[in-house]
Each structure stands twice: as C-alpha cells, then as structure tokens.
Amino acid sequence: MSETESQLIVDVPEEAVPEEVTMWVKTGKGTAKSETKFRVMRKPVITSVTPECGFAPASNFPWAGENFFGTRVVIEGKRFAPYSDNVTVGY
C-alpha cells in the first residue's frame, strides 16, 4: 500500500471474489465508504497465439514495402471484454 494525505494506492488481493463491492477506509478518526461500487474482475486468460512466429515491421527486409506493418497476431482467450478500451498488449 502507498499513501499520501489524499490518496491510497492498494492492490486487489488474489483471493478477491469477482463482484461489485463498496470500498471503505478505516482510520483512528472513523470510516469512509465509497459512493460508487468497485467491480472486482478475474484476470484475462490467453489460450492461444496465432501464428507462432512472425516479422516485425522493418525497412531492412528487401521485400518490405512502404505499407508493411509486420505480422498480424491473433490472441485468443477469455475475459478480454468489455474492457478492451483499457487493454495493453506486450511481449
């Protein structure tokens, strides 16, 4: 946990149950509860990546033209949506 006078940064514990919850903070001066619900979600799961290999975009490939963007990769799994606007893919 990290804290300042106006902010707490905490991690959702691994054992948290996927549901909507009210967040609360208890100090020596009392308890505060959130006005909005926080949704605990399960982590996404990747079941396959296709193809198994590919090329990065680079101008040093002799056949790579102006519109060569590299290999398109399909990642299949579950729990990607409905939050795909907040997804980062890396390798």
C-alpha atoms as a PDB file:
ATOM      1  CA  MET A   1       0.000   0.000   0.000  1.00  0.00           C
ATOM      2  CA  SER A   2       1.090   3.520  -0.744  1.00  0.00           C
ATOM      3  CA  GLU A   3      -0.466   6.584   0.848  1.00  0.00           C
ATOM      4  CA  THR A   4      -0.476  10.355   0.837  1.00  0.00           C
ATOM      5  CA  GLU A   5      -2.757  12.829   2.619  1.00  0.00           C
ATOM      6  CA  SER A   6      -5.356  12.492  -0.164  1.00  0.00           C
ATOM      7  CA  GLN A   7      -4.660   9.162  -1.873  1.00  0.00           C
ATOM      8  CA  LEU A   8      -4.298   5.440  -1.108  1.00  0.00           C
ATOM      9  CA  ILE A   9      -2.909   3.029  -3.676  1.00  0.00           C
ATOM     10  CA  VAL A  10      -3.726  -0.599  -2.919  1.00  0.00           C
ATOM     11  CA  ASP A  11      -3.675  -3.887  -4.846  1.00  0.00           C
ATOM     12  CA  VAL A  12      -6.752  -6.063  -5.168  1.00  0.00           C
ATOM     13  CA  PRO A  13      -5.861  -9.296  -3.354  1.00  0.00           C
ATOM     14  CA  GLU A  14      -5.621 -12.530  -5.350  1.00  0.00           C
ATOM     15  CA  GLU A  15      -8.389 -14.137  -3.275  1.00  0.00           C
ATOM     16  CA  ALA A  16     -10.917 -11.359  -4.016  1.00  0.00           C
ATOM     17  CA  VAL A  17     -14.271 -12.650  -5.268  1.00  0.00           C
ATOM     18  CA  PRO A  18     -15.459 -11.229  -8.617  1.00  0.00           C
ATOM     19  CA  GLU A  19     -18.349  -8.959  -7.690  1.00  0.00           C
ATOM     20  CA  GLU A  20     -19.237  -5.304  -7.140  1.00  0.00           C
ATOM     21  CA  VAL A  21     -18.107  -4.028  -3.757  1.00  0.00           C
ATOM     22  CA  THR A  22     -18.181  -0.847  -1.719  1.00  0.00           C
ATOM     23  CA  MET A  23     -14.687   0.338  -0.887  1.00  0.00           C
ATOM     24  CA  TRP A  24     -14.023   1.609   2.630  1.00  0.00           C
ATOM     25  CA  VAL A  25     -11.168   3.109   4.604  1.00  0.00           C
ATOM     26  CA  LYS A  26     -10.987   2.948   8.373  1.00  0.00           C
ATOM     27  CA  THR A  27      -8.671   5.199  10.388  1.00  0.00           C
ATOM     28  CA  GLY A  28      -8.496   6.233  14.017  1.00  0.00           C
ATOM     29  CA  LYS A  29     -10.874   9.072  13.131  1.00  0.00           C
ATOM     30  CA  GLY A  30     -13.636   6.972  11.577  1.00  0.00           C
ATOM     31  CA  THR A  31     -14.671   5.023   8.486  1.00  0.00           C
ATOM     32  CA  ALA A  32     -15.350   6.340   4.991  1.00  0.00           C
ATOM     33  CA  LYS A  33     -17.232   4.385   2.298  1.00  0.00           C
ATOM     34  CA  SER A  34     -17.178   4.904  -1.468  1.00  0.00           C
ATOM     35  CA  GLU A  35     -20.284   6.317  -3.121  1.00  0.00           C
ATOM     36  CA  THR A  36     -19.724   4.172  -6.212  1.00  0.00           C
ATOM     37  CA  LYS A  37     -19.171   0.436  -6.478  1.00  0.00           C
ATOM     38  CA  PHE A  38     -15.840  -1.115  -7.489  1.00  0.00           C
ATOM     39  CA  ARG A  39     -16.035  -4.191  -9.725  1.00  0.00           C
ATOM     40  CA  VAL A  40     -13.589  -6.981  -8.899  1.00  0.00           C
ATOM     41  CA  MET A  41     -12.855  -8.926 -12.093  1.00  0.00           C
ATOM     42  CA  ARG A  42     -10.943 -12.077 -12.898  1.00  0.00           C
ATOM     43  CA  LYS A  43      -7.679 -11.745 -14.801  1.00  0.00           C
ATOM     44  CA  PRO A  44      -7.802 -12.362 -18.553  1.00  0.00           C
ATOM     45  CA  VAL A  45      -6.611 -15.758 -19.799  1.00  0.00           C
ATOM     46  CA  ILE A  46      -4.708 -16.350 -23.053  1.00  0.00           C
ATOM     47  CA  THR A  47      -5.469 -19.745 -24.599  1.00  0.00           C
ATOM     48  CA  SER A  48      -3.631 -19.381 -27.917  1.00  0.00           C
ATOM     49  CA  VAL A  49      -1.489 -17.062 -30.025  1.00  0.00           C
ATOM     50  CA  THR A  50      -1.551 -17.445 -33.821  1.00  0.00           C
ATOM     51  CA  PRO A  51       0.736 -17.591 -35.718  1.00  0.00           C
ATOM     52  CA  GLU A  52       3.558 -18.901 -33.554  1.00  0.00           C
ATOM     53  CA  CYS A  53       6.107 -16.641 -35.261  1.00  0.00           C
ATOM     54  CA  GLY A  54       6.199 -13.561 -37.462  1.00  0.00           C
ATOM     55  CA  PHE A  55       8.056 -10.454 -38.589  1.00  0.00           C
ATOM     56  CA  ALA A  56       8.345  -7.025 -37.025  1.00  0.00           C
ATOM     57  CA  PRO A  57       7.946  -4.065 -39.370  1.00  0.00           C
ATOM     58  CA  ALA A  58      11.341  -3.044 -40.662  1.00  0.00           C
ATOM     59  CA  SER A  59      12.609  -1.314 -43.746  1.00  0.00           C
ATOM     60  CA  ASN A  60      15.677  -3.565 -43.998  1.00  0.00           C
ATOM     61  CA  PHE A  61      13.659  -6.505 -45.360  1.00  0.00           C
ATOM     62  CA  PRO A  62      14.162  -6.393 -49.150  1.00  0.00           C
ATOM     63  CA  TRP A  63      10.501  -7.272 -49.788  1.00  0.00           C
ATOM     64  CA  ALA A  64       9.085  -4.943 -47.138  1.00  0.00           C
ATOM     65  CA  GLY A  65       7.248  -2.200 -48.912  1.00  0.00           C
ATOM     66  CA  GLU A  66       6.056   1.154 -47.742  1.00  0.00           C
ATOM     67  CA  ASN A  67       2.876  -0.356 -46.253  1.00  0.00           C
ATOM     68  CA  PHE A  68       4.499  -3.301 -44.440  1.00  0.00           C
ATOM     69  CA  PHE A  69       3.255  -3.303 -40.849  1.00  0.00           C
ATOM     70  CA  GLY A  70       4.540  -6.648 -39.598  1.00  0.00           C
ATOM     71  CA  THR A  71       2.748  -9.876 -38.848  1.00  0.00           C
ATOM     72  CA  ARG A  72      -0.791  -9.608 -37.513  1.00  0.00           C
ATOM     73  CA  VAL A  73      -1.191 -11.760 -34.404  1.00  0.00           C
ATOM     74  CA  VAL A  74      -4.470 -13.191 -33.096  1.00  0.00           C
ATOM     75  CA  ILE A  75      -4.644 -13.678 -29.324  1.00  0.00           C
ATOM     76  CA  GLU A  76      -7.496 -15.895 -28.166  1.00  0.00           C
ATOM     77  CA  GLY A  77      -8.700 -16.352 -24.623  1.00  0.00           C
ATOM     78  CA  LYS A  78     -11.340 -15.124 -22.253  1.00  0.00           C
ATOM     79  CA  ARG A  79     -12.197 -12.114 -20.121  1.00  0.00           C
ATOM     80  CA  PHE A  80     -10.819  -9.531 -22.592  1.00  0.00           C
ATOM     81  CA  ALA A  81     -14.107  -7.632 -22.998  1.00  0.00           C
ATOM     82  CA  PRO A  82     -15.942  -5.451 -22.117  1.00  0.00           C
ATOM     83  CA  TYR A  83     -12.809  -3.592 -21.010  1.00  0.00           C
ATOM     84  CA  SER A  84     -10.908  -3.737 -24.304  1.00  0.00           C
ATOM     85  CA  ASP A  85     -10.565   0.061 -24.291  1.00  0.00           C
ATOM     86  CA  ASN A  86      -8.144  -0.346 -21.388  1.00  0.00           C
ATOM     87  CA  VAL A  87      -6.018  -3.239 -22.705  1.00  0.00           C
ATOM     88  CA  THR A  88      -2.270  -3.182 -23.290  1.00  0.00           C
ATOM     89  CA  VAL A  89      -0.601  -5.993 -25.234  1.00  0.00           C
ATOM     90  CA  GLY A  90       3.096  -6.621 -24.808  1.00  0.00           C
ATOM     91  CA  TYR A  91       5.743  -9.250 -25.273  1.00  0.00           C
END
